[in-house]
N, C-alpha and C. Protein backbone atom coordinates (compact mmCIF):
# COMPACT_ATOMS: atom_id res chain seq x y z
N MET A 1 82.20 26.16 44.92
CA MET A 1 81.02 26.95 45.21
C MET A 1 80.70 27.23 46.47
N THR A 2 80.57 28.41 46.69
CA THR A 2 80.24 29.02 48.09
C THR A 2 78.62 29.24 48.40
N ALA A 3 78.16 29.04 49.30
CA ALA A 3 76.55 29.25 49.70
C ALA A 3 76.02 30.51 49.49
N ASP A 4 76.86 31.51 49.34
CA ASP A 4 76.37 32.87 49.50
C ASP A 4 76.04 33.22 47.90
N THR A 5 76.23 32.40 47.07
CA THR A 5 75.98 32.94 45.87
C THR A 5 74.43 32.74 45.36
N VAL A 6 73.61 31.96 46.17
CA VAL A 6 72.08 31.87 46.56
C VAL A 6 71.78 32.07 47.69
N THR A 7 70.56 32.74 48.03
CA THR A 7 70.08 32.76 49.08
C THR A 7 68.96 32.15 49.58
N LEU A 8 68.51 32.00 50.71
CA LEU A 8 66.97 31.58 50.88
C LEU A 8 66.09 32.63 52.11
N SER A 9 65.00 32.85 51.47
CA SER A 9 64.46 33.90 52.73
C SER A 9 63.77 33.13 53.77
N ASP A 10 63.71 33.68 54.74
CA ASP A 10 63.21 33.33 55.95
C ASP A 10 61.77 32.57 55.83
N SER A 11 60.89 33.21 54.92
CA SER A 11 59.51 32.59 54.50
C SER A 11 59.56 31.37 53.52
N ALA A 12 60.76 31.21 52.70
CA ALA A 12 60.68 30.26 51.83
C ALA A 12 61.62 29.07 52.75
N ALA A 13 62.02 29.18 53.30
CA ALA A 13 62.68 28.07 54.32
C ALA A 13 61.93 27.54 55.26
N LYS A 14 60.55 28.20 55.82
CA LYS A 14 59.79 27.92 56.51
C LYS A 14 58.87 26.97 55.94
N ARG A 15 58.60 27.46 54.41
CA ARG A 15 57.36 26.52 53.46
C ARG A 15 58.56 25.17 53.16
N ILE A 16 59.52 25.37 52.69
CA ILE A 16 60.42 24.44 52.63
C ILE A 16 60.19 23.21 53.65
N ALA A 17 60.57 23.78 55.00
CA ALA A 17 60.67 22.71 55.82
C ALA A 17 59.37 22.03 56.25
N ALA A 18 58.33 23.00 56.11
CA ALA A 18 56.80 22.03 56.26
C ALA A 18 56.47 21.24 55.08
N ILE A 19 56.82 21.62 53.82
CA ILE A 19 56.87 20.74 52.72
C ILE A 19 57.71 19.32 53.08
N LEU A 20 58.99 19.39 53.46
CA LEU A 20 59.50 18.25 53.50
C LEU A 20 59.20 17.35 54.86
N LYS A 21 58.63 18.06 55.71
CA LYS A 21 58.42 17.75 57.04
C LYS A 21 57.14 16.53 56.71
N SER A 22 56.47 16.96 55.76
CA SER A 22 55.27 16.25 55.35
C SER A 22 55.31 15.02 54.43
N ASP A 23 56.66 14.97 53.56
CA ASP A 23 56.93 13.62 53.12
C ASP A 23 58.28 13.25 53.76
N ALA A 24 58.30 12.39 54.32
CA ALA A 24 59.50 11.65 55.14
C ALA A 24 60.61 11.53 54.21
N GLU A 25 60.02 10.79 53.23
CA GLU A 25 60.98 10.07 52.16
C GLU A 25 61.96 11.10 51.36
N LYS A 26 61.37 12.65 51.09
CA LYS A 26 62.03 13.39 50.79
C LYS A 26 62.92 14.48 51.59
N LYS A 27 64.34 14.46 50.96
CA LYS A 27 65.20 15.20 52.01
C LYS A 27 65.33 16.62 51.62
N ALA A 28 65.11 16.99 50.44
CA ALA A 28 65.75 18.29 49.89
C ALA A 28 64.43 18.99 48.69
N MET A 29 64.65 20.01 48.64
CA MET A 29 63.89 20.35 47.31
C MET A 29 65.05 21.01 46.41
N ARG A 30 64.92 20.54 45.18
CA ARG A 30 65.90 20.94 43.75
C ARG A 30 65.35 22.08 43.12
N VAL A 31 65.89 22.90 43.06
CA VAL A 31 66.01 24.13 42.17
C VAL A 31 66.70 23.89 41.21
N SER A 32 66.17 23.72 39.63
CA SER A 32 66.79 23.83 38.84
C SER A 32 66.40 24.86 37.39
N VAL A 33 67.29 25.13 36.59
CA VAL A 33 66.84 26.08 35.33
C VAL A 33 66.76 25.24 34.12
N GLU A 34 65.75 25.32 33.42
CA GLU A 34 65.53 24.43 32.19
C GLU A 34 65.19 25.57 31.10
N GLY A 35 65.51 24.90 29.78
CA GLY A 35 65.48 25.63 28.71
C GLY A 35 63.94 25.74 28.28
N GLY A 36 63.30 26.77 27.93
CA GLY A 36 62.01 26.49 27.54
C GLY A 36 61.10 28.05 28.38
N GLY A 37 59.96 27.73 28.59
CA GLY A 37 59.01 28.89 29.37
C GLY A 37 59.03 29.89 28.04
N CYS A 38 57.89 30.81 28.72
CA CYS A 38 57.76 32.17 27.67
C CYS A 38 59.11 32.93 27.34
N SER A 39 59.98 33.20 28.04
CA SER A 39 60.88 33.91 27.94
C SER A 39 62.45 33.51 27.97
N GLY A 40 62.61 32.13 27.63
CA GLY A 40 63.53 31.45 27.44
C GLY A 40 64.41 30.31 28.08
N PHE A 41 63.67 30.35 29.39
CA PHE A 41 64.43 29.54 30.77
C PHE A 41 63.30 29.77 31.57
N SER A 42 63.14 28.66 32.35
CA SER A 42 61.91 28.60 33.33
C SER A 42 62.70 27.59 34.71
N TYR A 43 62.40 27.82 35.80
CA TYR A 43 62.61 27.27 37.33
C TYR A 43 61.85 26.31 37.13
N LYS A 44 62.41 24.86 37.96
CA LYS A 44 61.89 23.89 38.10
C LYS A 44 62.04 23.30 39.36
N PHE A 45 61.19 23.10 40.37
CA PHE A 45 61.02 22.90 41.82
C PHE A 45 60.76 21.25 41.79
N ASP A 46 61.62 20.58 42.25
CA ASP A 46 61.22 18.96 42.68
C ASP A 46 61.67 18.61 44.23
N LEU A 47 60.90 17.69 44.81
CA LEU A 47 61.38 17.05 45.93
C LEU A 47 62.49 15.84 45.69
N VAL A 48 63.20 15.87 46.45
CA VAL A 48 64.14 14.99 45.77
C VAL A 48 64.74 14.21 47.25
N ASP A 49 65.30 13.11 47.29
CA ASP A 49 65.71 11.98 48.22
C ASP A 49 67.15 12.18 48.62
N GLY A 50 67.93 12.95 47.66
CA GLY A 50 69.52 13.01 48.22
C GLY A 50 69.92 14.20 47.07
N GLU A 51 71.42 14.33 47.52
CA GLU A 51 71.98 15.23 46.54
C GLU A 51 73.05 14.53 45.63
N GLN A 52 73.38 15.31 44.57
CA GLN A 52 74.43 14.87 43.65
C GLN A 52 75.82 15.67 43.92
N ASN A 53 76.69 15.03 43.43
CA ASN A 53 78.26 15.47 43.66
C ASN A 53 78.41 17.07 43.33
N ASP A 54 77.78 17.36 42.22
CA ASP A 54 77.67 18.74 41.72
C ASP A 54 76.83 19.95 42.66
N ASP A 55 76.10 19.38 43.50
CA ASP A 55 75.03 20.21 43.77
C ASP A 55 75.82 21.33 45.20
N LEU A 56 75.09 22.64 44.92
CA LEU A 56 75.27 23.76 46.02
C LEU A 56 74.16 23.27 46.85
N VAL A 57 74.53 23.09 48.37
CA VAL A 57 73.68 22.72 49.17
C VAL A 57 73.41 23.96 50.07
N LEU A 58 72.14 24.56 50.02
CA LEU A 58 71.55 25.42 50.91
C LEU A 58 70.72 25.08 52.32
N GLU A 59 71.05 25.25 53.57
CA GLU A 59 70.30 24.86 54.57
C GLU A 59 70.06 26.04 55.30
N LYS A 60 68.90 26.29 55.80
CA LYS A 60 68.69 27.19 56.75
C LYS A 60 67.35 26.51 57.59
N GLY A 61 67.58 26.31 58.93
CA GLY A 61 66.89 25.79 59.81
C GLY A 61 66.44 24.31 59.23
N ASP A 62 65.46 23.98 59.08
CA ASP A 62 65.07 22.53 58.61
C ASP A 62 64.99 22.24 57.14
N ALA A 63 65.14 23.41 56.37
CA ALA A 63 64.79 23.21 55.17
C ALA A 63 66.21 23.17 54.40
N LYS A 64 66.29 22.24 53.33
CA LYS A 64 67.51 22.02 52.47
C LYS A 64 66.93 22.22 50.95
N VAL A 65 67.83 23.38 50.47
CA VAL A 65 67.62 23.44 48.76
C VAL A 65 69.02 22.74 48.26
N LEU A 66 68.95 22.17 46.88
CA LEU A 66 69.87 21.68 46.31
C LEU A 66 69.67 22.57 44.63
N ILE A 67 70.77 22.87 44.27
CA ILE A 67 70.92 23.67 43.22
C ILE A 67 72.17 22.98 42.09
N ASP A 68 71.65 22.26 40.96
CA ASP A 68 73.12 21.70 40.39
C ASP A 68 73.93 22.73 39.82
N SER A 69 75.33 22.54 39.39
CA SER A 69 76.26 23.57 39.08
C SER A 69 75.95 24.10 37.80
N LEU A 70 75.04 23.45 36.84
CA LEU A 70 74.63 24.06 35.42
C LEU A 70 73.73 24.96 35.76
N SER A 71 72.76 24.69 36.58
CA SER A 71 71.66 25.89 36.72
C SER A 71 72.34 26.91 37.67
N LEU A 72 72.89 26.76 38.76
CA LEU A 72 73.87 27.87 39.55
C LEU A 72 74.62 28.98 38.46
N VAL A 73 74.98 28.53 37.25
CA VAL A 73 75.49 29.59 36.34
C VAL A 73 74.67 30.83 36.15
N TYR A 74 73.05 30.02 36.24
CA TYR A 74 71.95 31.39 35.77
C TYR A 74 71.37 32.08 37.06
N MET A 75 71.72 31.23 38.28
CA MET A 75 71.00 31.91 39.38
C MET A 75 72.01 32.36 40.03
N SER A 76 72.91 32.72 39.96
CA SER A 76 74.22 33.20 40.95
C SER A 76 73.72 34.57 41.53
N GLY A 77 73.72 34.71 42.52
CA GLY A 77 73.22 36.04 43.45
C GLY A 77 71.85 36.25 43.40
N SER A 78 70.76 35.18 43.22
CA SER A 78 69.59 34.91 43.37
C SER A 78 69.23 34.80 44.86
N GLU A 79 67.72 35.17 45.02
CA GLU A 79 67.14 34.95 46.47
C GLU A 79 65.76 34.24 46.04
N ILE A 80 65.81 33.00 46.67
CA ILE A 80 64.65 32.24 46.72
C ILE A 80 63.69 32.58 47.67
N ASP A 81 62.46 32.93 47.42
CA ASP A 81 61.51 33.33 48.62
C ASP A 81 60.26 32.61 48.13
N PHE A 82 59.27 32.72 49.09
CA PHE A 82 57.85 32.21 49.26
C PHE A 82 56.94 33.28 49.50
N VAL A 83 55.94 33.56 48.56
CA VAL A 83 54.94 34.56 48.64
C VAL A 83 53.68 34.01 48.93
N ASP A 84 52.90 34.65 50.11
CA ASP A 84 51.73 34.12 50.22
C ASP A 84 50.85 35.44 50.34
N ASN A 85 50.04 35.89 48.80
CA ASN A 85 49.33 37.00 48.98
C ASN A 85 47.99 36.58 48.42
N LEU A 86 47.03 37.71 47.83
CA LEU A 86 45.99 37.79 47.31
C LEU A 86 45.89 36.80 45.88
N LEU A 87 47.15 36.80 45.34
CA LEU A 87 47.40 36.25 44.08
C LEU A 87 47.38 34.84 44.13
N GLY A 88 47.77 34.28 45.50
CA GLY A 88 47.94 32.92 45.85
C GLY A 88 49.49 32.77 46.43
N GLN A 89 49.96 31.48 46.40
CA GLN A 89 51.06 31.20 47.19
C GLN A 89 51.80 30.53 46.23
N SER A 90 53.27 31.15 46.02
CA SER A 90 54.26 30.46 45.20
C SER A 90 55.91 30.70 45.43
N PHE A 91 56.26 30.27 45.41
CA PHE A 91 57.92 30.29 45.30
C PHE A 91 58.34 31.18 44.23
N GLN A 92 59.24 32.55 44.53
CA GLN A 92 59.68 32.99 43.55
C GLN A 92 61.38 33.39 43.41
N ILE A 93 61.78 33.71 42.54
CA ILE A 93 63.32 33.59 42.89
C ILE A 93 63.61 35.09 41.83
N ARG A 94 63.96 35.89 42.89
CA ARG A 94 64.59 36.95 42.48
C ARG A 94 66.00 37.03 42.05
N ASN A 95 65.96 37.27 40.51
CA ASN A 95 67.23 37.08 39.87
C ASN A 95 67.90 38.13 39.25
N PRO A 96 69.26 38.62 39.88
CA PRO A 96 69.32 39.85 39.36
C PRO A 96 70.21 39.67 37.85
N ASN A 97 70.30 38.41 37.36
CA ASN A 97 70.90 38.02 36.09
C ASN A 97 69.70 38.06 35.05
N ALA A 98 68.56 38.16 35.24
CA ALA A 98 67.48 38.03 34.26
C ALA A 98 67.08 39.49 33.69
N ILE A 99 67.18 39.71 32.67
CA ILE A 99 66.83 41.00 32.08
C ILE A 99 65.61 40.95 31.52
N ALA A 100 64.58 39.62 31.48
CA ALA A 100 63.24 40.00 31.42
C ALA A 100 62.85 38.75 31.72
N SER A 101 61.32 39.01 32.14
CA SER A 101 60.76 37.76 32.89
C SER A 101 59.40 37.97 32.41
N CYS A 102 58.36 36.66 32.96
CA CYS A 102 56.90 36.94 32.45
C CYS A 102 56.29 36.94 33.54
N GLY A 103 54.76 37.12 33.23
CA GLY A 103 54.11 37.03 34.19
C GLY A 103 53.76 36.18 35.20
N CYS A 104 54.09 34.81 34.95
CA CYS A 104 53.98 33.77 35.50
C CYS A 104 55.03 33.80 36.74
N GLY A 105 56.10 34.28 36.32
CA GLY A 105 57.13 34.62 37.72
C GLY A 105 58.36 33.22 37.44
N THR A 106 58.18 32.31 36.51
CA THR A 106 58.78 31.20 36.47
C THR A 106 59.65 30.78 35.46
N SER A 107 59.37 32.14 34.36
CA SER A 107 60.48 32.07 33.36
C SER A 107 60.85 33.26 33.34
N PHE A 108 62.25 33.15 32.58
CA PHE A 108 63.05 34.70 32.22
C PHE A 108 64.02 34.40 31.21
N SER A 109 64.73 35.49 30.92
CA SER A 109 65.83 35.35 30.09
C SER A 109 66.97 36.05 30.52
N VAL A 110 68.27 35.55 29.91
CA VAL A 110 69.51 36.20 30.43
C VAL A 110 70.31 36.99 29.32
């Protein structure tokens, strides 16, 4: 696996670094894809204390993101971003493989 299959925006990296700094026991943010959600699949974000053998590790500054190999199949070519606007703050994944997504921004289909 190569690290260029998923990218991390500067704003996402800054936000992840701030979150990790506030919880010294957590070393990374895990992004995974699960079945379910209103469009078939959904993204899940968890703070974790370590990585697994099959994880893709993305690092930018003090931010560290882990993606397991199964989730990477659905996320290849994606960008993880953090948006702060009038609608609120959220992590968003711009996934070129998604053919449909829902209004909540965390559910998609391929």
